[in-house]
């Protein structure tokens, strides 16, 4: 039975694009393990691949994007964020509470500048 304070979250993670496939997989596994180790459950993963960043982050122009839906007790989110700040391969992350899981992602193509 799930805890009453468990919520559904959407997390966007941007990993350093300079990582090789093995290192990137290991860095993303660390993110997922952090969720499950705190009693969370991974619901859906959208691997968005390598993309250009909107602006330079830590001298990087590209990042590897993942969108992850997960359930986690509310009190564990802060601990998760603290762990993310120590992950040297994670360029940016965003976690928001959501009510539903998107089964498919679609994006409008932006004009080239």
C-alpha atoms as a PDB file:
ATOM      1  CA  UNK A   1       0.000   0.000   0.000  1.00  0.00           C
ATOM      2  CA  UNK A   2       1.310   3.460  -0.911  1.00  0.00           C
ATOM      3  CA  UNK A   3       1.819   6.208   1.650  1.00  0.00           C
ATOM      4  CA  UNK A   4      -0.875   8.889   1.797  1.00  0.00           C
ATOM      5  CA  UNK A   5       1.652  11.670   1.148  1.00  0.00           C
ATOM      6  CA  UNK A   6       3.050  10.057  -2.001  1.00  0.00           C
ATOM      7  CA  UNK A   7       2.617  12.270  -5.075  1.00  0.00           C
ATOM      8  CA  UNK A   8       3.231  11.983  -8.801  1.00  0.00           C
ATOM      9  CA  UNK A   9       6.155  14.069 -10.067  1.00  0.00           C
ATOM     10  CA  UNK A  10       7.594  14.978 -13.444  1.00  0.00           C
ATOM     11  CA  UNK A  11      11.347  15.407 -13.510  1.00  0.00           C
ATOM     12  CA  UNK A  12      13.398  16.859 -16.364  1.00  0.00           C
ATOM     13  CA  UNK A  13      17.081  16.007 -16.267  1.00  0.00           C
ATOM     14  CA  UNK A  14      19.834  17.389 -18.485  1.00  0.00           C
ATOM     15  CA  UNK A  15      23.038  15.387 -18.380  1.00  0.00           C
ATOM     16  CA  UNK A  16      26.409  16.447 -19.762  1.00  0.00           C
ATOM     17  CA  UNK A  17      26.426  15.523 -23.468  1.00  0.00           C
ATOM     18  CA  UNK A  18      30.180  14.920 -23.371  1.00  0.00           C
ATOM     19  CA  UNK A  19      29.633  11.671 -21.441  1.00  0.00           C
ATOM     20  CA  UNK A  20      30.018   8.446 -23.373  1.00  0.00           C
ATOM     21  CA  UNK A  21      27.019   6.088 -23.518  1.00  0.00           C
ATOM     22  CA  UNK A  22      28.176   3.970 -20.580  1.00  0.00           C
ATOM     23  CA  UNK A  23      28.866   6.952 -18.315  1.00  0.00           C
ATOM     24  CA  UNK A  24      25.564   8.607 -19.259  1.00  0.00           C
ATOM     25  CA  UNK A  25      23.634   5.404 -18.546  1.00  0.00           C
ATOM     26  CA  UNK A  26      25.388   5.106 -15.185  1.00  0.00           C
ATOM     27  CA  UNK A  27      24.608   8.765 -14.315  1.00  0.00           C
ATOM     28  CA  UNK A  28      20.919   8.287 -15.188  1.00  0.00           C
ATOM     29  CA  UNK A  29      20.792   5.030 -13.199  1.00  0.00           C
ATOM     30  CA  UNK A  30      22.067   6.986 -10.195  1.00  0.00           C
ATOM     31  CA  UNK A  31      19.118   9.395 -10.571  1.00  0.00           C
ATOM     32  CA  UNK A  32      16.616   6.525 -10.812  1.00  0.00           C
ATOM     33  CA  UNK A  33      18.235   4.666  -7.900  1.00  0.00           C
ATOM     34  CA  UNK A  34      17.918   7.813  -5.763  1.00  0.00           C
ATOM     35  CA  UNK A  35      14.160   7.760  -6.332  1.00  0.00           C
ATOM     36  CA  UNK A  36      13.632   4.056  -5.671  1.00  0.00           C
ATOM     37  CA  UNK A  37      15.951   4.047  -2.639  1.00  0.00           C
ATOM     38  CA  UNK A  38      13.637   6.604  -1.015  1.00  0.00           C
ATOM     39  CA  UNK A  39      10.553   4.466  -1.515  1.00  0.00           C
ATOM     40  CA  UNK A  40       9.670   5.923  -4.911  1.00  0.00           C
ATOM     41  CA  UNK A  41       8.413   4.236  -8.042  1.00  0.00           C
ATOM     42  CA  UNK A  42       9.434   5.042 -11.635  1.00  0.00           C
ATOM     43  CA  UNK A  43       6.267   5.340 -13.745  1.00  0.00           C
ATOM     44  CA  UNK A  44       7.482   6.414 -17.218  1.00  0.00           C
ATOM     45  CA  UNK A  45      10.743   7.485 -18.877  1.00  0.00           C
ATOM     46  CA  UNK A  46      11.021   9.602 -22.015  1.00  0.00           C
ATOM     47  CA  UNK A  47      14.567   9.606 -23.396  1.00  0.00           C
ATOM     48  CA  UNK A  48      14.720  12.839 -25.409  1.00  0.00           C
ATOM     49  CA  UNK A  49      18.285  12.374 -26.588  1.00  0.00           C
ATOM     50  CA  UNK A  50      20.999  14.907 -27.222  1.00  0.00           C
ATOM     51  CA  UNK A  51      19.786  18.468 -27.820  1.00  0.00           C
ATOM     52  CA  UNK A  52      21.159  21.963 -28.041  1.00  0.00           C
ATOM     53  CA  UNK A  53      20.800  23.957 -24.818  1.00  0.00           C
ATOM     54  CA  UNK A  54      18.995  27.288 -24.838  1.00  0.00           C
ATOM     55  CA  UNK A  55      22.090  28.822 -23.261  1.00  0.00           C
ATOM     56  CA  UNK A  56      25.524  27.646 -22.166  1.00  0.00           C
ATOM     57  CA  UNK A  57      25.624  25.724 -18.870  1.00  0.00           C
ATOM     58  CA  UNK A  58      28.953  24.838 -17.255  1.00  0.00           C
ATOM     59  CA  UNK A  59      30.683  25.581 -20.584  1.00  0.00           C
ATOM     60  CA  UNK A  60      28.414  23.091 -22.382  1.00  0.00           C
ATOM     61  CA  UNK A  61      26.291  23.926 -25.445  1.00  0.00           C
ATOM     62  CA  UNK A  62      24.448  20.572 -25.600  1.00  0.00           C
ATOM     63  CA  UNK A  63      22.862  18.251 -23.096  1.00  0.00           C
ATOM     64  CA  UNK A  64      21.243  14.842 -22.969  1.00  0.00           C
ATOM     65  CA  UNK A  65      17.598  15.154 -21.910  1.00  0.00           C
ATOM     66  CA  UNK A  66      15.404  12.749 -19.947  1.00  0.00           C
ATOM     67  CA  UNK A  67      11.823  13.286 -18.787  1.00  0.00           C
ATOM     68  CA  UNK A  68      10.920  10.996 -15.931  1.00  0.00           C
ATOM     69  CA  UNK A  69       7.577  10.440 -14.187  1.00  0.00           C
ATOM     70  CA  UNK A  70       7.769   9.022 -10.697  1.00  0.00           C
ATOM     71  CA  UNK A  71       5.846   8.631  -7.455  1.00  0.00           C
ATOM     72  CA  UNK A  72       7.614   9.595  -4.257  1.00  0.00           C
ATOM     73  CA  UNK A  73       6.693  10.492  -0.683  1.00  0.00           C
ATOM     74  CA  UNK A  74       6.617  14.293  -0.500  1.00  0.00           C
ATOM     75  CA  UNK A  75       9.151  14.528   2.318  1.00  0.00           C
ATOM     76  CA  UNK A  76      11.744  12.679   0.223  1.00  0.00           C
ATOM     77  CA  UNK A  77      11.854  15.248  -2.598  1.00  0.00           C
ATOM     78  CA  UNK A  78      14.169  17.642  -0.707  1.00  0.00           C
ATOM     79  CA  UNK A  79      16.644  14.822  -0.054  1.00  0.00           C
ATOM     80  CA  UNK A  80      16.548  13.939  -3.735  1.00  0.00           C
ATOM     81  CA  UNK A  81      17.314  17.541  -4.724  1.00  0.00           C
ATOM     82  CA  UNK A  82      20.250  17.649  -2.284  1.00  0.00           C
ATOM     83  CA  UNK A  83      21.649  14.542  -3.967  1.00  0.00           C
ATOM     84  CA  UNK A  84      21.178  16.068  -7.442  1.00  0.00           C
ATOM     85  CA  UNK A  85      23.304  19.082  -6.491  1.00  0.00           C
ATOM     86  CA  UNK A  86      26.187  16.675  -5.813  1.00  0.00           C
ATOM     87  CA  UNK A  87      25.892  14.931  -9.195  1.00  0.00           C
ATOM     88  CA  UNK A  88      28.657  16.445 -11.345  1.00  0.00           C
ATOM     89  CA  UNK A  89      27.171  15.025 -14.568  1.00  0.00           C
ATOM     90  CA  UNK A  90      23.755  16.621 -14.064  1.00  0.00           C
ATOM     91  CA  UNK A  91      23.742  20.054 -15.727  1.00  0.00           C
ATOM     92  CA  UNK A  92      20.151  20.985 -14.776  1.00  0.00           C
ATOM     93  CA  UNK A  93      17.084  19.399 -13.255  1.00  0.00           C
ATOM     94  CA  UNK A  94      13.514  20.433 -12.656  1.00  0.00           C
ATOM     95  CA  UNK A  95      10.928  18.585 -10.584  1.00  0.00           C
ATOM     96  CA  UNK A  96       7.255  19.494 -10.556  1.00  0.00           C
ATOM     97  CA  UNK A  97       4.164  17.844  -9.151  1.00  0.00           C
ATOM     98  CA  UNK A  98       1.762  16.624 -11.829  1.00  0.00           C
ATOM     99  CA  UNK A  99      -1.605  14.906 -12.041  1.00  0.00           C
ATOM    100  CA  UNK A 100      -1.053  12.794 -15.139  1.00  0.00           C
ATOM    101  CA  UNK A 101       1.623  11.012 -17.142  1.00  0.00           C
ATOM    102  CA  UNK A 102       2.136  11.950 -20.782  1.00  0.00           C
ATOM    103  CA  UNK A 103       2.398   8.752 -22.783  1.00  0.00           C
ATOM    104  CA  UNK A 104       3.826  10.558 -25.813  1.00  0.00           C
ATOM    105  CA  UNK A 105       5.721  13.826 -26.148  1.00  0.00           C
ATOM    106  CA  UNK A 106       5.303  16.088 -29.156  1.00  0.00           C
ATOM    107  CA  UNK A 107       7.075  19.372 -29.803  1.00  0.00           C
ATOM    108  CA  UNK A 108       6.634  22.092 -32.365  1.00  0.00           C
ATOM    109  CA  UNK A 109       9.720  22.620 -34.499  1.00  0.00           C
ATOM    110  CA  UNK A 110      11.342  25.979 -33.765  1.00  0.00           C
ATOM    111  CA  UNK A 111      12.594  28.098 -36.664  1.00  0.00           C
ATOM    112  CA  UNK A 112      16.350  28.103 -37.196  1.00  0.00           C
ATOM    113  CA  UNK A 113      18.004  31.314 -36.061  1.00  0.00           C
END
